[in-house]
């Protein structure tokens, strides 16, 4: 078993692009769930808004890549209004149900044959990232960094942009939650009836939080799309939201550092488990007392099983995560 390879890949995953776009999505989800108490189980749909807003720029609208940010924001606002208007006046569990359905509706619409002219169907959208690549000061054929942090020029450029956005939005959310607006949304999480009795428009604050968190998640989808060089509808399934939520809970909700460190730890653990199992089954199935428990083809499903088991243990023994507190995890279901 190549222990050095496993450790190198694990350490590299801490600062890789996957951790960066998960951190961006978790920061947005933290605004909604951690600070405001909105049970949004459809963050992947807001990520898709950013990815498709970016992908549709050159192919369908004939405009520059920077317009993708504006187009993505328009998609986010429309989606936030469609979801929030009928549900934000109701209990939090209604929002959870609606956002799960909303994420699936968005995925099925963009992959449908009916709208293939605009969204590319199940093939997705390709060939839109050239202008972003042209902005890179690095040679795409060269390797940058030191082991285990060695990346191609394009990957290195994407990682720098991704983590720069993480730093920017972390600072923005930190300052926002120290402002009067942030104190109001945290009070809504604790007792919205008390906030309403003080004359605050709770519905308006919830809508603002939903859209702000969705807009941050939008940038996560953009980074993901730029890294892959394509937009595929099945990359924004409901599973993605639950992985992001797992990473957020691991780091600690209602803590900015938790929404950054959590995704880093999540991907490090995921990569370590995946690499360890692949090394374990590289030459033959892993056996205990003569029983072949894990074969090489089963590594992926087993790894997801371990993630689920880890989440169960986390919620049992430390539901507040690494940096969080149990008081800020308590939701009354309203």
C-alpha atoms as a PDB file:
ATOM      1  CA  UNK A   1       0.000   0.000   0.000  1.00  0.00           C
ATOM      2  CA  UNK A   2       1.392   3.381  -1.061  1.00  0.00           C
ATOM      3  CA  UNK A   3       0.898   5.410   2.138  1.00  0.00           C
ATOM      4  CA  UNK A   4       2.851   8.395   0.785  1.00  0.00           C
ATOM      5  CA  UNK A   5       0.535   8.673  -2.226  1.00  0.00           C
ATOM      6  CA  UNK A   6      -2.552   8.494  -0.005  1.00  0.00           C
ATOM      7  CA  UNK A   7      -1.246  11.222   2.309  1.00  0.00           C
ATOM      8  CA  UNK A   8      -0.155  13.471  -0.564  1.00  0.00           C
ATOM      9  CA  UNK A   9      -3.551  13.245  -2.252  1.00  0.00           C
ATOM     10  CA  UNK A  10      -5.282  13.898   1.071  1.00  0.00           C
ATOM     11  CA  UNK A  11      -3.228  16.993   1.835  1.00  0.00           C
ATOM     12  CA  UNK A  12      -3.689  18.294  -1.721  1.00  0.00           C
ATOM     13  CA  UNK A  13      -7.473  17.889  -1.359  1.00  0.00           C
ATOM     14  CA  UNK A  14      -7.469  20.322   1.583  1.00  0.00           C
ATOM     15  CA  UNK A  15      -6.723  23.207  -0.779  1.00  0.00           C
ATOM     16  CA  UNK A  16      -7.992  21.787  -4.065  1.00  0.00           C
ATOM     17  CA  UNK A  17     -10.645  23.288  -6.303  1.00  0.00           C
ATOM     18  CA  UNK A  18     -13.314  20.901  -5.001  1.00  0.00           C
ATOM     19  CA  UNK A  19     -12.845  22.238  -1.482  1.00  0.00           C
ATOM     20  CA  UNK A  20     -12.966  25.806  -2.833  1.00  0.00           C
ATOM     21  CA  UNK A  21     -16.296  25.502  -4.646  1.00  0.00           C
ATOM     22  CA  UNK A  22     -17.776  23.525  -1.751  1.00  0.00           C
ATOM     23  CA  UNK A  23     -16.653  26.283   0.613  1.00  0.00           C
ATOM     24  CA  UNK A  24     -18.362  28.941  -1.522  1.00  0.00           C
ATOM     25  CA  UNK A  25     -21.603  26.944  -1.574  1.00  0.00           C
ATOM     26  CA  UNK A  26     -21.335  26.322   2.189  1.00  0.00           C
ATOM     27  CA  UNK A  27     -20.837  30.040   2.909  1.00  0.00           C
ATOM     28  CA  UNK A  28     -24.060  30.795   1.029  1.00  0.00           C
ATOM     29  CA  UNK A  29     -25.897  27.957   2.763  1.00  0.00           C
ATOM     30  CA  UNK A  30     -24.586  29.210   6.092  1.00  0.00           C
ATOM     31  CA  UNK A  31     -26.238  32.589   5.502  1.00  0.00           C
ATOM     32  CA  UNK A  32     -29.551  30.849   4.877  1.00  0.00           C
ATOM     33  CA  UNK A  33     -29.438  27.915   7.277  1.00  0.00           C
ATOM     34  CA  UNK A  34     -26.836  28.755   9.902  1.00  0.00           C
ATOM     35  CA  UNK A  35     -27.647  32.406  10.492  1.00  0.00           C
ATOM     36  CA  UNK A  36     -31.302  32.767   9.428  1.00  0.00           C
ATOM     37  CA  UNK A  37     -32.611  29.263  10.102  1.00  0.00           C
ATOM     38  CA  UNK A  38     -33.910  28.669   6.563  1.00  0.00           C
ATOM     39  CA  UNK A  39     -33.852  24.957   5.731  1.00  0.00           C
ATOM     40  CA  UNK A  40     -32.696  25.265   2.130  1.00  0.00           C
ATOM     41  CA  UNK A  41     -32.144  21.817   0.647  1.00  0.00           C
ATOM     42  CA  UNK A  42     -31.796  23.163  -2.894  1.00  0.00           C
ATOM     43  CA  UNK A  43     -28.470  25.009  -2.904  1.00  0.00           C
ATOM     44  CA  UNK A  44     -27.466  22.968  -5.958  1.00  0.00           C
ATOM     45  CA  UNK A  45     -30.170  24.796  -7.940  1.00  0.00           C
ATOM     46  CA  UNK A  46     -28.565  28.166  -7.143  1.00  0.00           C
ATOM     47  CA  UNK A  47     -25.207  26.708  -8.173  1.00  0.00           C
ATOM     48  CA  UNK A  48     -26.796  25.654 -11.467  1.00  0.00           C
ATOM     49  CA  UNK A  49     -28.022  29.243 -11.974  1.00  0.00           C
ATOM     50  CA  UNK A  50     -24.426  30.444 -11.906  1.00  0.00           C
ATOM     51  CA  UNK A  51     -23.082  27.646 -14.085  1.00  0.00           C
ATOM     52  CA  UNK A  52     -25.756  28.006 -16.765  1.00  0.00           C
ATOM     53  CA  UNK A  53     -25.651  31.797 -16.599  1.00  0.00           C
ATOM     54  CA  UNK A  54     -21.959  31.527 -17.396  1.00  0.00           C
ATOM     55  CA  UNK A  55     -22.349  28.789 -19.978  1.00  0.00           C
ATOM     56  CA  UNK A  56     -25.061  30.578 -21.935  1.00  0.00           C
ATOM     57  CA  UNK A  57     -23.056  33.784 -22.458  1.00  0.00           C
ATOM     58  CA  UNK A  58     -21.103  33.064 -25.620  1.00  0.00           C
ATOM     59  CA  UNK A  59     -23.133  30.156 -26.952  1.00  0.00           C
ATOM     60  CA  UNK A  60     -26.617  31.687 -26.820  1.00  0.00           C
ATOM     61  CA  UNK A  61     -26.396  35.360 -25.938  1.00  0.00           C
ATOM     62  CA  UNK A  62     -23.232  36.206 -27.846  1.00  0.00           C
ATOM     63  CA  UNK A  63     -21.807  38.335 -25.013  1.00  0.00           C
ATOM     64  CA  UNK A  64     -18.597  38.242 -22.995  1.00  0.00           C
ATOM     65  CA  UNK A  65     -17.904  35.944 -20.076  1.00  0.00           C
ATOM     66  CA  UNK A  66     -18.317  38.732 -17.503  1.00  0.00           C
ATOM     67  CA  UNK A  67     -21.974  39.035 -18.469  1.00  0.00           C
ATOM     68  CA  UNK A  68     -22.405  35.546 -17.047  1.00  0.00           C
ATOM     69  CA  UNK A  69     -22.270  36.971 -13.526  1.00  0.00           C
ATOM     70  CA  UNK A  70     -25.145  39.337 -14.271  1.00  0.00           C
ATOM     71  CA  UNK A  71     -27.153  36.632 -16.040  1.00  0.00           C
ATOM     72  CA  UNK A  72     -26.555  34.243 -13.141  1.00  0.00           C
ATOM     73  CA  UNK A  73     -27.703  36.877 -10.639  1.00  0.00           C
ATOM     74  CA  UNK A  74     -30.916  37.389 -12.619  1.00  0.00           C
ATOM     75  CA  UNK A  75     -31.517  33.622 -12.534  1.00  0.00           C
ATOM     76  CA  UNK A  76     -30.864  33.559  -8.768  1.00  0.00           C
ATOM     77  CA  UNK A  77     -33.274  36.404  -8.035  1.00  0.00           C
ATOM     78  CA  UNK A  78     -36.014  34.857 -10.181  1.00  0.00           C
ATOM     79  CA  UNK A  79     -35.519  31.458  -8.570  1.00  0.00           C
ATOM     80  CA  UNK A  80     -35.391  32.954  -5.065  1.00  0.00           C
ATOM     81  CA  UNK A  81     -38.634  34.832  -5.629  1.00  0.00           C
ATOM     82  CA  UNK A  82     -40.376  31.785  -7.104  1.00  0.00           C
ATOM     83  CA  UNK A  83     -39.371  29.684  -4.106  1.00  0.00           C
ATOM     84  CA  UNK A  84     -39.598  32.285  -1.371  1.00  0.00           C
ATOM     85  CA  UNK A  85     -42.870  34.051  -2.129  1.00  0.00           C
ATOM     86  CA  UNK A  86     -45.140  31.045  -1.461  1.00  0.00           C
ATOM     87  CA  UNK A  87     -43.086  29.437   1.345  1.00  0.00           C
ATOM     88  CA  UNK A  88     -41.218  31.947   3.510  1.00  0.00           C
ATOM     89  CA  UNK A  89     -44.377  32.861   5.428  1.00  0.00           C
ATOM     90  CA  UNK A  90     -44.766  29.206   6.422  1.00  0.00           C
ATOM     91  CA  UNK A  91     -42.799  26.898   8.715  1.00  0.00           C
ATOM     92  CA  UNK A  92     -39.214  25.991   7.898  1.00  0.00           C
ATOM     93  CA  UNK A  93     -40.047  22.395   6.995  1.00  0.00           C
ATOM     94  CA  UNK A  94     -42.239  23.617   4.118  1.00  0.00           C
ATOM     95  CA  UNK A  95     -39.255  25.484   2.716  1.00  0.00           C
ATOM     96  CA  UNK A  96     -37.153  22.314   2.988  1.00  0.00           C
ATOM     97  CA  UNK A  97     -39.716  20.317   1.005  1.00  0.00           C
ATOM     98  CA  UNK A  98     -40.096  23.015  -1.641  1.00  0.00           C
ATOM     99  CA  UNK A  99     -36.352  23.544  -2.122  1.00  0.00           C
ATOM    100  CA  UNK A 100     -35.725  19.818  -2.620  1.00  0.00           C
ATOM    101  CA  UNK A 101     -38.420  19.772  -5.299  1.00  0.00           C
ATOM    102  CA  UNK A 102     -37.153  23.038  -6.777  1.00  0.00           C
ATOM    103  CA  UNK A 103     -33.626  21.679  -7.218  1.00  0.00           C
ATOM    104  CA  UNK A 104     -34.956  18.633  -9.033  1.00  0.00           C
ATOM    105  CA  UNK A 105     -37.245  20.756 -11.222  1.00  0.00           C
ATOM    106  CA  UNK A 106     -34.327  22.960 -12.255  1.00  0.00           C
ATOM    107  CA  UNK A 107     -32.164  19.927 -13.064  1.00  0.00           C
ATOM    108  CA  UNK A 108     -34.886  18.227 -15.095  1.00  0.00           C
ATOM    109  CA  UNK A 109     -35.770  21.416 -16.989  1.00  0.00           C
ATOM    110  CA  UNK A 110     -32.182  22.140 -18.080  1.00  0.00           C
ATOM    111  CA  UNK A 111     -31.608  18.529 -19.176  1.00  0.00           C
ATOM    112  CA  UNK A 112     -34.937  18.172 -20.987  1.00  0.00           C
ATOM    113  CA  UNK A 113     -35.125  17.771 -24.754  1.00  0.00           C
ATOM    114  CA  UNK A 114     -37.707  20.558 -24.942  1.00  0.00           C
ATOM    115  CA  UNK A 115     -35.181  23.206 -23.858  1.00  0.00           C
ATOM    116  CA  UNK A 116     -32.072  21.644 -25.396  1.00  0.00           C
ATOM    117  CA  UNK A 117     -31.703  24.648 -27.692  1.00  0.00           C
ATOM    118  CA  UNK A 118     -30.997  26.843 -24.666  1.00  0.00           C
ATOM    119  CA  UNK A 119     -29.464  24.553 -22.028  1.00  0.00           C
ATOM    120  CA  UNK A 120     -27.885  21.800 -24.088  1.00  0.00           C
ATOM    121  CA  UNK A 121     -30.011  18.991 -22.645  1.00  0.00           C
ATOM    122  CA  UNK A 122     -28.169  16.063 -21.077  1.00  0.00           C
ATOM    123  CA  UNK A 123     -25.061  17.005 -23.111  1.00  0.00           C
ATOM    124  CA  UNK A 124     -24.789  20.311 -21.295  1.00  0.00           C
ATOM    125  CA  UNK A 125     -22.872  23.329 -22.552  1.00  0.00           C
ATOM    126  CA  UNK A 126     -19.198  23.363 -23.565  1.00  0.00           C
ATOM    127  CA  UNK A 127     -16.681  25.752 -25.021  1.00  0.00           C
ATOM    128  CA  UNK A 128     -17.467  28.850 -22.951  1.00  0.00           C
ATOM    129  CA  UNK A 129     -14.367  29.065 -20.731  1.00  0.00           C
ATOM    130  CA  UNK A 130     -11.822  30.175 -23.332  1.00  0.00           C
ATOM    131  CA  UNK A 131     -11.901  33.833 -22.304  1.00  0.00           C
ATOM    132  CA  UNK A 132     -11.358  32.817 -18.674  1.00  0.00           C
ATOM    133  CA  UNK A 133      -8.400  30.682 -19.705  1.00  0.00           C
ATOM    134  CA  UNK A 134      -6.997  33.632 -21.662  1.00  0.00           C
ATOM    135  CA  UNK A 135      -6.953  35.697 -18.463  1.00  0.00           C
ATOM    136  CA  UNK A 136      -4.574  33.237 -16.811  1.00  0.00           C
ATOM    137  CA  UNK A 137      -1.005  34.509 -16.343  1.00  0.00           C
ATOM    138  CA  UNK A 138       0.235  30.918 -16.095  1.00  0.00           C
ATOM    139  CA  UNK A 139       1.407  28.599 -18.848  1.00  0.00           C
ATOM    140  CA  UNK A 140      -1.298  25.911 -19.151  1.00  0.00           C
ATOM    141  CA  UNK A 141       1.285  23.284 -20.138  1.00  0.00           C
ATOM    142  CA  UNK A 142       3.537  23.954 -17.128  1.00  0.00           C
ATOM    143  CA  UNK A 143       3.318  22.608 -13.588  1.00  0.00           C
ATOM    144  CA  UNK A 144       3.245  24.982 -10.608  1.00  0.00           C
ATOM    145  CA  UNK A 145       3.761  24.484  -6.886  1.00  0.00           C
ATOM    146  CA  UNK A 146       5.591  21.865  -4.853  1.00  0.00           C
ATOM    147  CA  UNK A 147       4.563  18.355  -3.871  1.00  0.00           C
ATOM    148  CA  UNK A 148       1.866  17.598  -2.991  1.00  0.00           C
ATOM    149  CA  UNK A 149       0.542  20.954  -4.223  1.00  0.00           C
ATOM    150  CA  UNK A 150       1.446  20.651  -7.913  1.00  0.00           C
ATOM    151  CA  UNK A 151      -1.120  21.737 -10.483  1.00  0.00           C
ATOM    152  CA  UNK A 152      -1.261  22.506 -14.180  1.00  0.00           C
ATOM    153  CA  UNK A 153      -1.279  26.175 -15.147  1.00  0.00           C
ATOM    154  CA  UNK A 154      -5.032  26.286 -15.765  1.00  0.00           C
ATOM    155  CA  UNK A 155      -5.896  24.374 -12.586  1.00  0.00           C
ATOM    156  CA  UNK A 156      -3.586  26.622 -10.579  1.00  0.00           C
ATOM    157  CA  UNK A 157      -5.311  29.711 -12.024  1.00  0.00           C
ATOM    158  CA  UNK A 158      -8.768  28.334 -11.207  1.00  0.00           C
ATOM    159  CA  UNK A 159      -7.699  27.447  -7.655  1.00  0.00           C
ATOM    160  CA  UNK A 160      -6.362  30.969  -7.070  1.00  0.00           C
ATOM    161  CA  UNK A 161      -9.595  32.548  -8.322  1.00  0.00           C
ATOM    162  CA  UNK A 162     -11.720  30.078  -6.330  1.00  0.00           C
ATOM    163  CA  UNK A 163      -9.964  30.599  -3.005  1.00  0.00           C
ATOM    164  CA  UNK A 164      -9.831  34.366  -3.581  1.00  0.00           C
ATOM    165  CA  UNK A 165     -13.633  34.323  -3.862  1.00  0.00           C
ATOM    166  CA  UNK A 166     -13.812  32.207  -0.690  1.00  0.00           C
ATOM    167  CA  UNK A 167     -11.726  34.800   1.175  1.00  0.00           C
ATOM    168  CA  UNK A 168     -13.792  37.674  -0.236  1.00  0.00           C
ATOM    169  CA  UNK A 169     -17.178  36.201   0.650  1.00  0.00           C
ATOM    170  CA  UNK A 170     -15.955  34.999   4.051  1.00  0.00           C
ATOM    171  CA  UNK A 171     -15.004  38.564   4.910  1.00  0.00           C
ATOM    172  CA  UNK A 172     -18.249  39.895   3.445  1.00  0.00           C
ATOM    173  CA  UNK A 173     -20.434  37.483   5.445  1.00  0.00           C
ATOM    174  CA  UNK A 174     -18.414  38.088   8.625  1.00  0.00           C
ATOM    175  CA  UNK A 175     -18.945  41.858   8.331  1.00  0.00           C
ATOM    176  CA  UNK A 176     -22.577  41.376   7.301  1.00  0.00           C
ATOM    177  CA  UNK A 177     -23.353  39.316  10.399  1.00  0.00           C
ATOM    178  CA  UNK A 178     -21.772  41.955  12.625  1.00  0.00           C
ATOM    179  CA  UNK A 179     -24.051  44.603  11.099  1.00  0.00           C
ATOM    180  CA  UNK A 180     -27.609  45.448  12.226  1.00  0.00           C
ATOM    181  CA  UNK A 181     -28.932  43.343   9.335  1.00  0.00           C
ATOM    182  CA  UNK A 182     -27.017  40.329  10.575  1.00  0.00           C
ATOM    183  CA  UNK A 183     -28.271  40.756  14.126  1.00  0.00           C
ATOM    184  CA  UNK A 184     -31.845  40.817  12.844  1.00  0.00           C
ATOM    185  CA  UNK A 185     -31.526  37.602  10.811  1.00  0.00           C
ATOM    186  CA  UNK A 186     -29.891  35.814  13.746  1.00  0.00           C
ATOM    187  CA  UNK A 187     -32.745  36.973  15.939  1.00  0.00           C
ATOM    188  CA  UNK A 188     -35.200  35.589  13.357  1.00  0.00           C
ATOM    189  CA  UNK A 189     -33.478  32.228  13.676  1.00  0.00           C
ATOM    190  CA  UNK A 190     -33.994  32.275  17.439  1.00  0.00           C
ATOM    191  CA  UNK A 191     -37.538  33.677  17.647  1.00  0.00           C
ATOM    192  CA  UNK A 192     -39.146  35.306  14.650  1.00  0.00           C
ATOM    193  CA  UNK A 193     -42.291  36.212  16.604  1.00  0.00           C
ATOM    194  CA  UNK A 194     -40.204  38.376  18.922  1.00  0.00           C
ATOM    195  CA  UNK A 195     -38.564  40.067  15.939  1.00  0.00           C
ATOM    196  CA  UNK A 196     -41.951  40.656  14.334  1.00  0.00           C
ATOM    197  CA  UNK A 197     -43.243  42.209  17.564  1.00  0.00           C
ATOM    198  CA  UNK A 198     -40.445  44.780  17.313  1.00  0.00           C
ATOM    199  CA  UNK A 199     -41.785  45.961  13.963  1.00  0.00           C
ATOM    200  CA  UNK A 200     -39.347  44.181  11.671  1.00  0.00           C
ATOM    201  CA  UNK A 201     -40.545  42.706   8.387  1.00  0.00           C
ATOM    202  CA  UNK A 202     -39.494  39.095   8.963  1.00  0.00           C
ATOM    203  CA  UNK A 203     -40.643  37.983   5.512  1.00  0.00           C
ATOM    204  CA  UNK A 204     -38.475  40.598   3.813  1.00  0.00           C
ATOM    205  CA  UNK A 205     -35.378  39.650   5.813  1.00  0.00           C
ATOM    206  CA  UNK A 206     -35.889  35.959   5.018  1.00  0.00           C
ATOM    207  CA  UNK A 207     -36.208  36.731   1.319  1.00  0.00           C
ATOM    208  CA  UNK A 208     -33.039  38.813   1.403  1.00  0.00           C
ATOM    209  CA  UNK A 209     -31.160  36.024   3.183  1.00  0.00           C
ATOM    210  CA  UNK A 210     -32.381  33.412   0.692  1.00  0.00           C
ATOM    211  CA  UNK A 211     -31.258  35.480  -2.295  1.00  0.00           C
ATOM    212  CA  UNK A 212     -27.914  36.547  -0.768  1.00  0.00           C
ATOM    213  CA  UNK A 213     -27.059  32.957   0.127  1.00  0.00           C
ATOM    214  CA  UNK A 214     -28.150  31.833  -3.321  1.00  0.00           C
ATOM    215  CA  UNK A 215     -26.001  34.495  -4.983  1.00  0.00           C
ATOM    216  CA  UNK A 216     -22.916  33.264  -3.113  1.00  0.00           C
ATOM    217  CA  UNK A 217     -23.793  29.711  -4.110  1.00  0.00           C
ATOM    218  CA  UNK A 218     -24.051  30.961  -7.691  1.00  0.00           C
ATOM    219  CA  UNK A 219     -20.316  31.733  -7.697  1.00  0.00           C
ATOM    220  CA  UNK A 220     -19.672  28.194  -6.496  1.00  0.00           C
ATOM    221  CA  UNK A 221     -21.444  26.857  -9.580  1.00  0.00           C
ATOM    222  CA  UNK A 222     -19.402  29.177 -11.791  1.00  0.00           C
ATOM    223  CA  UNK A 223     -16.084  28.006 -10.354  1.00  0.00           C
ATOM    224  CA  UNK A 224     -17.187  24.398 -10.716  1.00  0.00           C
ATOM    225  CA  UNK A 225     -18.143  24.983 -14.364  1.00  0.00           C
ATOM    226  CA  UNK A 226     -14.913  26.832 -15.166  1.00  0.00           C
ATOM    227  CA  UNK A 227     -12.826  24.082 -13.608  1.00  0.00           C
ATOM    228  CA  UNK A 228     -14.587  21.379 -15.652  1.00  0.00           C
ATOM    229  CA  UNK A 229     -14.842  23.522 -18.775  1.00  0.00           C
ATOM    230  CA  UNK A 230     -18.449  22.459 -19.196  1.00  0.00           C
ATOM    231  CA  UNK A 231     -21.896  22.587 -17.605  1.00  0.00           C
ATOM    232  CA  UNK A 232     -23.647  19.261 -17.083  1.00  0.00           C
ATOM    233  CA  UNK A 233     -27.131  19.157 -15.493  1.00  0.00           C
ATOM    234  CA  UNK A 234     -26.497  16.029 -13.418  1.00  0.00           C
ATOM    235  CA  UNK A 235     -23.593  17.756 -11.654  1.00  0.00           C
ATOM    236  CA  UNK A 236     -26.226  19.797  -9.787  1.00  0.00           C
ATOM    237  CA  UNK A 237     -28.387  17.038  -8.372  1.00  0.00           C
ATOM    238  CA  UNK A 238     -29.920  17.082  -4.902  1.00  0.00           C
ATOM    239  CA  UNK A 239     -27.023  14.929  -3.655  1.00  0.00           C
ATOM    240  CA  UNK A 240     -24.684  17.904  -4.019  1.00  0.00           C
ATOM    241  CA  UNK A 241     -26.724  19.969  -1.550  1.00  0.00           C
ATOM    242  CA  UNK A 242     -26.557  17.233   1.082  1.00  0.00           C
ATOM    243  CA  UNK A 243     -22.786  16.917   0.674  1.00  0.00           C
ATOM    244  CA  UNK A 244     -22.474  20.677   1.108  1.00  0.00           C
ATOM    245  CA  UNK A 245     -24.731  20.536   4.170  1.00  0.00           C
ATOM    246  CA  UNK A 246     -22.608  17.700   5.570  1.00  0.00           C
ATOM    247  CA  UNK A 247     -19.459  19.752   5.052  1.00  0.00           C
ATOM    248  CA  UNK A 248     -21.083  22.798   6.681  1.00  0.00           C
ATOM    249  CA  UNK A 249     -22.245  20.837   9.723  1.00  0.00           C
ATOM    250  CA  UNK A 250     -18.792  19.267  10.003  1.00  0.00           C
ATOM    251  CA  UNK A 251     -17.192  22.696  10.245  1.00  0.00           C
ATOM    252  CA  UNK A 252     -19.948  24.250  12.347  1.00  0.00           C
ATOM    253  CA  UNK A 253     -23.012  26.238  11.328  1.00  0.00           C
ATOM    254  CA  UNK A 254     -23.323  29.974  12.035  1.00  0.00           C
ATOM    255  CA  UNK A 255     -19.527  30.270  11.953  1.00  0.00           C
ATOM    256  CA  UNK A 256     -17.751  31.706   8.937  1.00  0.00           C
ATOM    257  CA  UNK A 257     -14.630  29.658   9.597  1.00  0.00           C
ATOM    258  CA  UNK A 258     -16.795  26.565   9.913  1.00  0.00           C
ATOM    259  CA  UNK A 259     -18.179  27.012   6.400  1.00  0.00           C
ATOM    260  CA  UNK A 260     -14.594  27.145   5.065  1.00  0.00           C
ATOM    261  CA  UNK A 261     -12.804  24.559   7.200  1.00  0.00           C
ATOM    262  CA  UNK A 262     -15.723  22.101   7.007  1.00  0.00           C
ATOM    263  CA  UNK A 263     -15.497  21.614   3.201  1.00  0.00           C
ATOM    264  CA  UNK A 264     -11.707  21.342   3.455  1.00  0.00           C
ATOM    265  CA  UNK A 265     -12.041  18.577   6.052  1.00  0.00           C
ATOM    266  CA  UNK A 266     -14.857  16.906   4.105  1.00  0.00           C
ATOM    267  CA  UNK A 267     -12.806  16.616   0.933  1.00  0.00           C
ATOM    268  CA  UNK A 268      -9.672  15.559   2.791  1.00  0.00           C
ATOM    269  CA  UNK A 269     -11.604  12.752   4.512  1.00  0.00           C
ATOM    270  CA  UNK A 270     -13.346  11.797   1.267  1.00  0.00           C
ATOM    271  CA  UNK A 271     -10.097  11.609  -0.703  1.00  0.00           C
ATOM    272  CA  UNK A 272      -8.305   9.755   2.099  1.00  0.00           C
ATOM    273  CA  UNK A 273     -11.079   7.156   2.317  1.00  0.00           C
ATOM    274  CA  UNK A 274     -11.295   6.774  -1.464  1.00  0.00           C
ATOM    275  CA  UNK A 275      -7.535   6.407  -1.932  1.00  0.00           C
ATOM    276  CA  UNK A 276      -7.197   4.067   1.035  1.00  0.00           C
ATOM    277  CA  UNK A 277      -9.935   1.750  -0.242  1.00  0.00           C
ATOM    278  CA  UNK A 278      -8.487   1.739  -3.760  1.00  0.00           C
ATOM    279  CA  UNK A 279      -5.044   0.853  -2.454  1.00  0.00           C
ATOM    280  CA  UNK A 280      -6.603  -1.808  -0.233  1.00  0.00           C
ATOM    281  CA  UNK A 281      -8.346  -3.467  -3.183  1.00  0.00           C
ATOM    282  CA  UNK A 282      -5.755  -2.716  -5.870  1.00  0.00           C
ATOM    283  CA  UNK A 283      -4.527  -6.301  -6.341  1.00  0.00           C
ATOM    284  CA  UNK A 284      -7.347  -8.377  -4.856  1.00  0.00           C
ATOM    285  CA  UNK A 285     -10.647  -7.946  -2.966  1.00  0.00           C
ATOM    286  CA  UNK A 286     -10.348  -6.976   0.675  1.00  0.00           C
ATOM    287  CA  UNK A 287     -11.159 -10.077   2.700  1.00  0.00           C
ATOM    288  CA  UNK A 288     -11.908 -10.802   6.342  1.00  0.00           C
ATOM    289  CA  UNK A 289     -11.986 -14.464   7.423  1.00  0.00           C
ATOM    290  CA  UNK A 290     -12.183 -15.528   3.796  1.00  0.00           C
ATOM    291  CA  UNK A 291     -15.108 -13.273   2.873  1.00  0.00           C
ATOM    292  CA  UNK A 292     -14.514 -10.788   0.051  1.00  0.00           C
ATOM    293  CA  UNK A 293     -16.044  -7.694   1.652  1.00  0.00           C
ATOM    294  CA  UNK A 294     -14.918  -4.985  -0.776  1.00  0.00           C
ATOM    295  CA  UNK A 295     -14.007  -5.341  -4.419  1.00  0.00           C
ATOM    296  CA  UNK A 296     -12.328  -2.683  -6.531  1.00  0.00           C
ATOM    297  CA  UNK A 297     -15.556  -1.903  -8.392  1.00  0.00           C
ATOM    298  CA  UNK A 298     -17.340  -1.285  -5.072  1.00  0.00           C
ATOM    299  CA  UNK A 299     -15.003   1.410  -3.741  1.00  0.00           C
ATOM    300  CA  UNK A 300     -17.253   4.310  -4.805  1.00  0.00           C
ATOM    301  CA  UNK A 301     -20.463   3.066  -3.149  1.00  0.00           C
ATOM    302  CA  UNK A 302     -18.591   1.980  -0.010  1.00  0.00           C
ATOM    303  CA  UNK A 303     -17.016   5.416   0.258  1.00  0.00           C
ATOM    304  CA  UNK A 304     -20.464   7.037   0.161  1.00  0.00           C
ATOM    305  CA  UNK A 305     -21.605   4.595   2.847  1.00  0.00           C
ATOM    306  CA  UNK A 306     -18.714   5.733   5.026  1.00  0.00           C
ATOM    307  CA  UNK A 307     -19.709   9.377   4.468  1.00  0.00           C
ATOM    308  CA  UNK A 308     -23.238   8.561   5.620  1.00  0.00           C
ATOM    309  CA  UNK A 309     -21.928   6.683   8.661  1.00  0.00           C
ATOM    310  CA  UNK A 310     -19.641   9.600   9.485  1.00  0.00           C
ATOM    311  CA  UNK A 311     -22.556  12.034   9.292  1.00  0.00           C
ATOM    312  CA  UNK A 312     -24.606   9.831  11.638  1.00  0.00           C
ATOM    313  CA  UNK A 313     -21.762   9.737  14.160  1.00  0.00           C
ATOM    314  CA  UNK A 314     -21.220  13.481  13.811  1.00  0.00           C
ATOM    315  CA  UNK A 315     -24.868  14.315  14.468  1.00  0.00           C
ATOM    316  CA  UNK A 316     -24.907  11.897  17.430  1.00  0.00           C
ATOM    317  CA  UNK A 317     -21.752  12.958  19.249  1.00  0.00           C
ATOM    318  CA  UNK A 318     -21.024  16.500  18.021  1.00  0.00           C
ATOM    319  CA  UNK A 319     -23.973  17.973  16.105  1.00  0.00           C
ATOM    320  CA  UNK A 320     -22.527  21.487  16.366  1.00  0.00           C
ATOM    321  CA  UNK A 321     -19.454  20.527  14.330  1.00  0.00           C
ATOM    322  CA  UNK A 322     -15.877  21.601  14.973  1.00  0.00           C
ATOM    323  CA  UNK A 323     -16.419  25.325  15.517  1.00  0.00           C
ATOM    324  CA  UNK A 324     -20.179  25.542  16.075  1.00  0.00           C
ATOM    325  CA  UNK A 325     -22.300  25.586  19.211  1.00  0.00           C
ATOM    326  CA  UNK A 326     -25.349  23.478  20.023  1.00  0.00           C
ATOM    327  CA  UNK A 327     -27.430  26.570  20.767  1.00  0.00           C
ATOM    328  CA  UNK A 328     -27.054  27.826  17.209  1.00  0.00           C
ATOM    329  CA  UNK A 329     -28.019  24.430  15.805  1.00  0.00           C
ATOM    330  CA  UNK A 330     -31.361  24.476  17.613  1.00  0.00           C
ATOM    331  CA  UNK A 331     -34.270  25.205  15.253  1.00  0.00           C
ATOM    332  CA  UNK A 332     -37.883  25.273  16.329  1.00  0.00           C
ATOM    333  CA  UNK A 333     -39.243  24.290  12.908  1.00  0.00           C
ATOM    334  CA  UNK A 334     -40.906  27.625  12.174  1.00  0.00           C
END
